[in-house]
């Protein structure tokens, strides 16, 4: 039973990830490589909602070399 709950929880987490297209829309103008703080700041400036801001704040604090790296990190967090 525990395994089923874990799988269901993972599905819920995946469905709560921001849409990758919307994510990149709110990150337009980012100069890569960019830190997590740079990404959060840009998303706020571009009018991202709280869910998207929280998703970006939850990714590891490191340098991201491009949009694909950010999308992957958000989908895994």
PDB file of N, CA and C in Angstrom:
ATOM      1  N   UNK A   1       0.823  -1.194   0.000  1.00  0.00           N
ATOM      2  CA  UNK A   1       0.000   0.000   0.000  1.00  0.00           C
ATOM      3  C   UNK A   1       0.866   1.257   0.000  1.00  0.00           C
ATOM      4  N   UNK A   2       1.966   1.230   0.745  1.00  0.00           N
ATOM      5  CA  UNK A   2       2.840   2.396   0.787  1.00  0.00           C
ATOM      6  C   UNK A   2       3.369   2.737  -0.603  1.00  0.00           C
ATOM      7  N   UNK A   3       3.732   1.715  -1.375  1.00  0.00           N
ATOM      8  CA  UNK A   3       4.238   1.952  -2.721  1.00  0.00           C
ATOM      9  C   UNK A   3       3.225   2.652  -3.600  1.00  0.00           C
ATOM     10  N   UNK A   4       1.955   2.279  -3.468  1.00  0.00           N
ATOM     11  CA  UNK A   4       0.897   2.916  -4.256  1.00  0.00           C
ATOM     12  C   UNK A   4       0.770   4.393  -3.886  1.00  0.00           C
ATOM     13  N   UNK A   5       0.834   4.701  -2.603  1.00  0.00           N
ATOM     14  CA  UNK A   5       0.761   6.106  -2.163  1.00  0.00           C
ATOM     15  C   UNK A   5       1.919   6.914  -2.712  1.00  0.00           C
ATOM     16  N   UNK A   6       3.097   6.321  -2.693  1.00  0.00           N
ATOM     17  CA  UNK A   6       4.266   7.023  -3.213  1.00  0.00           C
ATOM     18  C   UNK A   6       4.096   7.331  -4.693  1.00  0.00           C
ATOM     19  N   UNK A   7       3.576   6.366  -5.451  1.00  0.00           N
ATOM     20  CA  UNK A   7       3.349   6.581  -6.883  1.00  0.00           C
ATOM     21  C   UNK A   7       2.303   7.664  -7.097  1.00  0.00           C
ATOM     22  N   UNK A   8       1.212   7.606  -6.353  1.00  0.00           N
ATOM     23  CA  UNK A   8       0.168   8.616  -6.496  1.00  0.00           C
ATOM     24  C   UNK A   8       0.699   9.994  -6.125  1.00  0.00           C
ATOM     25  N   UNK A   9       1.495  10.081  -5.080  1.00  0.00           N
ATOM     26  CA  UNK A   9       2.080  11.360  -4.679  1.00  0.00           C
ATOM     27  C   UNK A   9       2.982  11.922  -5.754  1.00  0.00           C
ATOM     28  N   UNK A  10       3.748  11.058  -6.406  1.00  0.00           N
ATOM     29  CA  UNK A  10       4.632  11.507  -7.492  1.00  0.00           C
ATOM     30  C   UNK A  10       3.818  12.024  -8.664  1.00  0.00           C
ATOM     31  N   UNK A  11       2.718  11.340  -9.002  1.00  0.00           N
ATOM     32  CA  UNK A  11       1.856  11.813 -10.087  1.00  0.00           C
ATOM     33  C   UNK A  11       1.294  13.187  -9.777  1.00  0.00           C
ATOM     34  N   UNK A  12       0.869  13.387  -8.530  1.00  0.00           N
ATOM     35  CA  UNK A  12       0.335  14.697  -8.147  1.00  0.00           C
ATOM     36  C   UNK A  12       1.402  15.763  -8.277  1.00  0.00           C
ATOM     37  N   UNK A  13       2.616  15.453  -7.850  1.00  0.00           N
ATOM     38  CA  UNK A  13       3.709  16.423  -7.945  1.00  0.00           C
ATOM     39  C   UNK A  13       3.999  16.761  -9.398  1.00  0.00           C
ATOM     40  N   UNK A  14       3.967  15.750 -10.268  1.00  0.00           N
ATOM     41  CA  UNK A  14       4.232  15.988 -11.680  1.00  0.00           C
ATOM     42  C   UNK A  14       3.145  16.853 -12.293  1.00  0.00           C
ATOM     43  N   UNK A  15       1.908  16.640 -11.903  1.00  0.00           N
ATOM     44  CA  UNK A  15       0.824  17.412 -12.487  1.00  0.00           C
ATOM     45  C   UNK A  15       0.811  18.849 -11.981  1.00  0.00           C
ATOM     46  N   UNK A  16       1.491  19.097 -10.863  1.00  0.00           N
ATOM     47  CA  UNK A  16       1.537  20.441 -10.308  1.00  0.00           C
ATOM     48  C   UNK A  16       2.705  21.259 -10.847  1.00  0.00           C
ATOM     49  N   UNK A  17       3.558  20.650 -11.661  1.00  0.00           N
ATOM     50  CA  UNK A  17       4.677  21.374 -12.236  1.00  0.00           C
ATOM     51  C   UNK A  17       4.147  22.407 -13.226  1.00  0.00           C
ATOM     52  N   UNK A  18       4.768  23.579 -13.242  1.00  0.00           N
ATOM     53  CA  UNK A  18       4.333  24.596 -14.203  1.00  0.00           C
ATOM     54  C   UNK A  18       4.505  24.120 -15.647  1.00  0.00           C
ATOM     55  N   UNK A  19       3.649  24.611 -16.497  1.00  0.00           N
ATOM     56  CA  UNK A  19       3.735  24.328 -17.923  1.00  0.00           C
ATOM     57  C   UNK A  19       5.087  24.854 -18.424  1.00  0.00           C
ATOM     58  N   UNK A  20       5.881  24.005 -19.104  1.00  0.00           N
ATOM     59  CA  UNK A  20       7.205  24.438 -19.567  1.00  0.00           C
ATOM     60  C   UNK A  20       7.169  25.661 -20.482  1.00  0.00           C
ATOM     61  N   UNK A  21       6.157  25.772 -21.297  1.00  0.00           N
ATOM     62  CA  UNK A  21       6.061  26.932 -22.197  1.00  0.00           C
ATOM     63  C   UNK A  21       5.808  28.198 -21.388  1.00  0.00           C
ATOM     64  N   UNK A  22       4.888  28.114 -20.426  1.00  0.00           N
ATOM     65  CA  UNK A  22       4.619  29.267 -19.566  1.00  0.00           C
ATOM     66  C   UNK A  22       5.854  29.624 -18.736  1.00  0.00           C
ATOM     67  N   UNK A  23       6.545  28.612 -18.260  1.00  0.00           N
ATOM     68  CA  UNK A  23       7.760  28.841 -17.478  1.00  0.00           C
ATOM     69  C   UNK A  23       8.758  29.644 -18.294  1.00  0.00           C
ATOM     70  N   UNK A  24       9.021  29.215 -19.521  1.00  0.00           N
ATOM     71  CA  UNK A  24       9.998  29.913 -20.354  1.00  0.00           C
ATOM     72  C   UNK A  24       9.513  31.305 -20.762  1.00  0.00           C
ATOM     73  N   UNK A  25       8.216  31.463 -20.890  1.00  0.00           N
ATOM     74  CA  UNK A  25       7.658  32.789 -21.195  1.00  0.00           C
ATOM     75  C   UNK A  25       8.015  33.773 -20.084  1.00  0.00           C
ATOM     76  N   UNK A  26       7.949  33.305 -18.848  1.00  0.00           N
ATOM     77  CA  UNK A  26       8.248  34.175 -17.706  1.00  0.00           C
ATOM     78  C   UNK A  26       9.748  34.304 -17.442  1.00  0.00           C
ATOM     79  N   UNK A  27      10.537  33.562 -18.176  1.00  0.00           N
ATOM     80  CA  UNK A  27      11.993  33.662 -18.030  1.00  0.00           C
ATOM     81  C   UNK A  27      12.645  34.317 -19.242  1.00  0.00           C
ATOM     82  N   UNK A  28      11.839  34.924 -20.104  1.00  0.00           N
ATOM     83  CA  UNK A  28      12.420  35.573 -21.279  1.00  0.00           C
ATOM     84  C   UNK A  28      13.337  36.711 -20.832  1.00  0.00           C
ATOM     85  N   UNK A  29      14.465  36.800 -21.474  1.00  0.00           N
ATOM     86  CA  UNK A  29      15.432  37.832 -21.137  1.00  0.00           C
ATOM     87  C   UNK A  29      16.502  37.388 -20.159  1.00  0.00           C
ATOM     88  N   UNK A  30      16.408  36.154 -19.659  1.00  0.00           N
ATOM     89  CA  UNK A  30      17.439  35.657 -18.739  1.00  0.00           C
ATOM     90  C   UNK A  30      18.745  35.486 -19.506  1.00  0.00           C
ATOM     91  N   UNK A  31      19.823  35.944 -18.912  1.00  0.00           N
ATOM     92  CA  UNK A  31      21.147  35.796 -19.493  1.00  0.00           C
ATOM     93  C   UNK A  31      21.794  34.574 -18.847  1.00  0.00           C
ATOM     94  N   UNK A  32      21.878  33.453 -19.612  1.00  0.00           N
ATOM     95  CA  UNK A  32      22.446  32.209 -19.088  1.00  0.00           C
ATOM     96  C   UNK A  32      23.954  32.222 -19.245  1.00  0.00           C
ATOM     97  N   UNK A  33      24.682  31.584 -18.316  1.00  0.00           N
ATOM     98  CA  UNK A  33      24.204  30.847 -17.156  1.00  0.00           C
ATOM     99  C   UNK A  33      23.583  31.785 -16.128  1.00  0.00           C
ATOM    100  N   UNK A  34      22.578  31.244 -15.432  1.00  0.00           N
ATOM    101  CA  UNK A  34      21.835  32.040 -14.457  1.00  0.00           C
ATOM    102  C   UNK A  34      21.654  31.247 -13.163  1.00  0.00           C
ATOM    103  N   UNK A  35      21.685  31.956 -12.062  1.00  0.00           N
ATOM    104  CA  UNK A  35      21.467  31.326 -10.761  1.00  0.00           C
ATOM    105  C   UNK A  35      19.975  31.195 -10.484  1.00  0.00           C
ATOM    106  N   UNK A  36      19.638  30.414  -9.478  1.00  0.00           N
ATOM    107  CA  UNK A  36      18.239  30.293  -9.077  1.00  0.00           C
ATOM    108  C   UNK A  36      17.670  31.669  -8.740  1.00  0.00           C
ATOM    109  N   UNK A  37      18.424  32.477  -8.014  1.00  0.00           N
ATOM    110  CA  UNK A  37      17.941  33.807  -7.648  1.00  0.00           C
ATOM    111  C   UNK A  37      17.689  34.685  -8.875  1.00  0.00           C
ATOM    112  N   UNK A  38      18.543  34.569  -9.888  1.00  0.00           N
ATOM    113  CA  UNK A  38      18.332  35.315 -11.137  1.00  0.00           C
ATOM    114  C   UNK A  38      17.029  34.889 -11.799  1.00  0.00           C
ATOM    115  N   UNK A  39      16.769  33.578 -11.794  1.00  0.00           N
ATOM    116  CA  UNK A  39      15.553  33.049 -12.417  1.00  0.00           C
ATOM    117  C   UNK A  39      14.310  33.527 -11.684  1.00  0.00           C
ATOM    118  N   UNK A  40      14.351  33.474 -10.361  1.00  0.00           N
ATOM    119  CA  UNK A  40      13.206  33.921  -9.553  1.00  0.00           C
ATOM    120  C   UNK A  40      12.961  35.412  -9.780  1.00  0.00           C
ATOM    121  N   UNK A  41      14.014  36.199  -9.773  1.00  0.00           N
ATOM    122  CA  UNK A  41      13.887  37.644  -9.963  1.00  0.00           C
ATOM    123  C   UNK A  41      13.261  37.964 -11.330  1.00  0.00           C
ATOM    124  N   UNK A  42      13.751  37.305 -12.370  1.00  0.00           N
ATOM    125  CA  UNK A  42      13.221  37.548 -13.712  1.00  0.00           C
ATOM    126  C   UNK A  42      11.764  37.125 -13.805  1.00  0.00           C
ATOM    127  N   UNK A  43      11.433  35.966 -13.241  1.00  0.00           N
ATOM    128  CA  UNK A  43      10.048  35.498 -13.289  1.00  0.00           C
ATOM    129  C   UNK A  43       9.115  36.490 -12.599  1.00  0.00           C
ATOM    130  N   UNK A  44       9.529  37.030 -11.471  1.00  0.00           N
ATOM    131  CA  UNK A  44       8.711  38.028 -10.770  1.00  0.00           C
ATOM    132  C   UNK A  44       8.535  39.270 -11.639  1.00  0.00           C
ATOM    133  N   UNK A  45       9.623  39.722 -12.254  1.00  0.00           N
ATOM    134  CA  UNK A  45       9.563  40.903 -13.109  1.00  0.00           C
ATOM    135  C   UNK A  45       8.662  40.681 -14.322  1.00  0.00           C
ATOM    136  N   UNK A  46       8.568  39.427 -14.784  1.00  0.00           N
ATOM    137  CA  UNK A  46       7.761  39.088 -15.962  1.00  0.00           C
ATOM    138  C   UNK A  46       6.321  38.743 -15.590  1.00  0.00           C
ATOM    139  N   UNK A  47       5.954  38.878 -14.307  1.00  0.00           N
ATOM    140  CA  UNK A  47       4.567  38.672 -13.893  1.00  0.00           C
ATOM    141  C   UNK A  47       4.164  37.240 -13.617  1.00  0.00           C
ATOM    142  N   UNK A  48       5.126  36.379 -13.276  1.00  0.00           N
ATOM    143  CA  UNK A  48       4.800  34.983 -12.967  1.00  0.00           C
ATOM    144  C   UNK A  48       3.932  34.914 -11.711  1.00  0.00           C
ATOM    145  N   UNK A  49       3.045  33.924 -11.677  1.00  0.00           N
ATOM    146  CA  UNK A  49       2.182  33.752 -10.507  1.00  0.00           C
ATOM    147  C   UNK A  49       2.959  33.088  -9.365  1.00  0.00           C
ATOM    148  N   UNK A  50       2.333  33.029  -8.194  1.00  0.00           N
ATOM    149  CA  UNK A  50       2.985  32.495  -7.003  1.00  0.00           C
ATOM    150  C   UNK A  50       3.379  31.033  -7.168  1.00  0.00           C
ATOM    151  N   UNK A  51       2.580  30.250  -7.869  1.00  0.00           N
ATOM    152  CA  UNK A  51       2.898  28.834  -8.083  1.00  0.00           C
ATOM    153  C   UNK A  51       4.201  28.692  -8.856  1.00  0.00           C
ATOM    154  N   UNK A  52       4.370  29.513  -9.887  1.00  0.00           N
ATOM    155  CA  UNK A  52       5.587  29.455 -10.681  1.00  0.00           C
ATOM    156  C   UNK A  52       6.786  29.939  -9.868  1.00  0.00           C
ATOM    157  N   UNK A  53       6.602  30.981  -9.084  1.00  0.00           N
ATOM    158  CA  UNK A  53       7.684  31.492  -8.237  1.00  0.00           C
ATOM    159  C   UNK A  53       8.103  30.419  -7.241  1.00  0.00           C
ATOM    160  N   UNK A  54       7.138  29.768  -6.608  1.00  0.00           N
ATOM    161  CA  UNK A  54       7.447  28.701  -5.643  1.00  0.00           C
ATOM    162  C   UNK A  54       8.188  27.560  -6.321  1.00  0.00           C
ATOM    163  N   UNK A  55       7.788  27.209  -7.521  1.00  0.00           N
ATOM    164  CA  UNK A  55       8.452  26.126  -8.255  1.00  0.00           C
ATOM    165  C   UNK A  55       9.916  26.483  -8.513  1.00  0.00           C
ATOM    166  N   UNK A  56      10.172  27.710  -8.909  1.00  0.00           N
ATOM    167  CA  UNK A  56      11.550  28.137  -9.154  1.00  0.00           C
ATOM    168  C   UNK A  56      12.350  28.217  -7.855  1.00  0.00           C
ATOM    169  N   UNK A  57      11.713  28.646  -6.780  1.00  0.00           N
ATOM    170  CA  UNK A  57      12.405  28.721  -5.495  1.00  0.00           C
ATOM    171  C   UNK A  57      12.759  27.340  -4.950  1.00  0.00           C
ATOM    172  N   UNK A  58      12.062  26.314  -5.431  1.00  0.00           N
ATOM    173  CA  UNK A  58      12.302  24.970  -4.915  1.00  0.00           C
ATOM    174  C   UNK A  58      13.395  24.204  -5.673  1.00  0.00           C
ATOM    175  N   UNK A  59      13.909  24.765  -6.764  1.00  0.00           N
ATOM    176  CA  UNK A  59      14.961  24.063  -7.504  1.00  0.00           C
ATOM    177  C   UNK A  59      16.298  24.264  -6.779  1.00  0.00           C
ATOM    178  N   UNK A  60      17.258  23.361  -7.027  1.00  0.00           N
ATOM    179  CA  UNK A  60      18.566  23.500  -6.373  1.00  0.00           C
ATOM    180  C   UNK A  60      19.223  24.844  -6.685  1.00  0.00           C
ATOM    181  N   UNK A  61      19.935  25.366  -5.705  1.00  0.00           N
ATOM    182  CA  UNK A  61      20.627  26.647  -5.847  1.00  0.00           C
ATOM    183  C   UNK A  61      21.958  26.414  -6.541  1.00  0.00           C
ATOM    184  N   UNK A  62      21.938  26.569  -7.856  1.00  0.00           N
ATOM    185  CA  UNK A  62      23.144  26.389  -8.678  1.00  0.00           C
ATOM    186  C   UNK A  62      23.000  27.237  -9.933  1.00  0.00           C
ATOM    187  N   UNK A  63      23.995  27.171 -10.794  1.00  0.00           N
ATOM    188  CA  UNK A  63      23.940  27.868 -12.074  1.00  0.00           C
ATOM    189  C   UNK A  63      23.255  26.974 -13.112  1.00  0.00           C
ATOM    190  N   UNK A  64      22.341  27.545 -13.879  1.00  0.00           N
ATOM    191  CA  UNK A  64      21.633  26.829 -14.941  1.00  0.00           C
ATOM    192  C   UNK A  64      22.137  27.359 -16.272  1.00  0.00           C
ATOM    193  N   UNK A  65      22.490  26.428 -17.167  1.00  0.00           N
ATOM    194  CA  UNK A  65      23.124  26.838 -18.417  1.00  0.00           C
ATOM    195  C   UNK A  65      22.159  27.142 -19.548  1.00  0.00           C
ATOM    196  N   UNK A  66      20.863  26.899 -19.334  1.00  0.00           N
ATOM    197  CA  UNK A  66      19.893  27.216 -20.374  1.00  0.00           C
ATOM    198  C   UNK A  66      18.485  26.831 -19.981  1.00  0.00           C
ATOM    199  N   UNK A  67      17.521  27.163 -20.822  1.00  0.00           N
ATOM    200  CA  UNK A  67      16.118  26.904 -20.525  1.00  0.00           C
ATOM    201  C   UNK A  67      15.791  25.435 -20.266  1.00  0.00           C
ATOM    202  N   UNK A  68      16.425  24.530 -21.004  1.00  0.00           N
ATOM    203  CA  UNK A  68      16.139  23.107 -20.802  1.00  0.00           C
ATOM    204  C   UNK A  68      16.553  22.649 -19.406  1.00  0.00           C
ATOM    205  N   UNK A  69      17.671  23.145 -18.916  1.00  0.00           N
ATOM    206  CA  UNK A  69      18.136  22.779 -17.579  1.00  0.00           C
ATOM    207  C   UNK A  69      17.154  23.270 -16.517  1.00  0.00           C
ATOM    208  N   UNK A  70      16.592  24.450 -16.725  1.00  0.00           N
ATOM    209  CA  UNK A  70      15.625  24.997 -15.771  1.00  0.00           C
ATOM    210  C   UNK A  70      14.343  24.171 -15.796  1.00  0.00           C
ATOM    211  N   UNK A  71      13.840  23.892 -16.977  1.00  0.00           N
ATOM    212  CA  UNK A  71      12.610  23.092 -17.104  1.00  0.00           C
ATOM    213  C   UNK A  71      12.793  21.728 -16.456  1.00  0.00           C
ATOM    214  N   UNK A  72      13.932  21.110 -16.683  1.00  0.00           N
ATOM    215  CA  UNK A  72      14.197  19.798 -16.090  1.00  0.00           C
ATOM    216  C   UNK A  72      14.245  19.889 -14.565  1.00  0.00           C
ATOM    217  N   UNK A  73      14.903  20.896 -14.022  1.00  0.00           N
ATOM    218  CA  UNK A  73      15.009  21.047 -12.570  1.00  0.00           C
ATOM    219  C   UNK A  73      13.633  21.281 -11.943  1.00  0.00           C
ATOM    220  N   UNK A  74      12.807  22.086 -12.585  1.00  0.00           N
ATOM    221  CA  UNK A  74      11.469  22.376 -12.064  1.00  0.00           C
ATOM    222  C   UNK A  74      10.622  21.112 -12.090  1.00  0.00           C
ATOM    223  N   UNK A  75      10.728  20.326 -13.139  1.00  0.00           N
ATOM    224  CA  UNK A  75       9.915  19.116 -13.235  1.00  0.00           C
ATOM    225  C   UNK A  75      10.340  18.051 -12.237  1.00  0.00           C
ATOM    226  N   UNK A  76      11.578  18.109 -11.760  1.00  0.00           N
ATOM    227  CA  UNK A  76      12.081  17.126 -10.801  1.00  0.00           C
ATOM    228  C   UNK A  76      11.916  17.559  -9.361  1.00  0.00           C
ATOM    229  N   UNK A  77      11.604  18.808  -9.129  1.00  0.00           N
ATOM    230  CA  UNK A  77      11.495  19.270  -7.735  1.00  0.00           C
ATOM    231  C   UNK A  77      10.103  19.094  -7.193  1.00  0.00           C
TER     232      UNK A  77
END
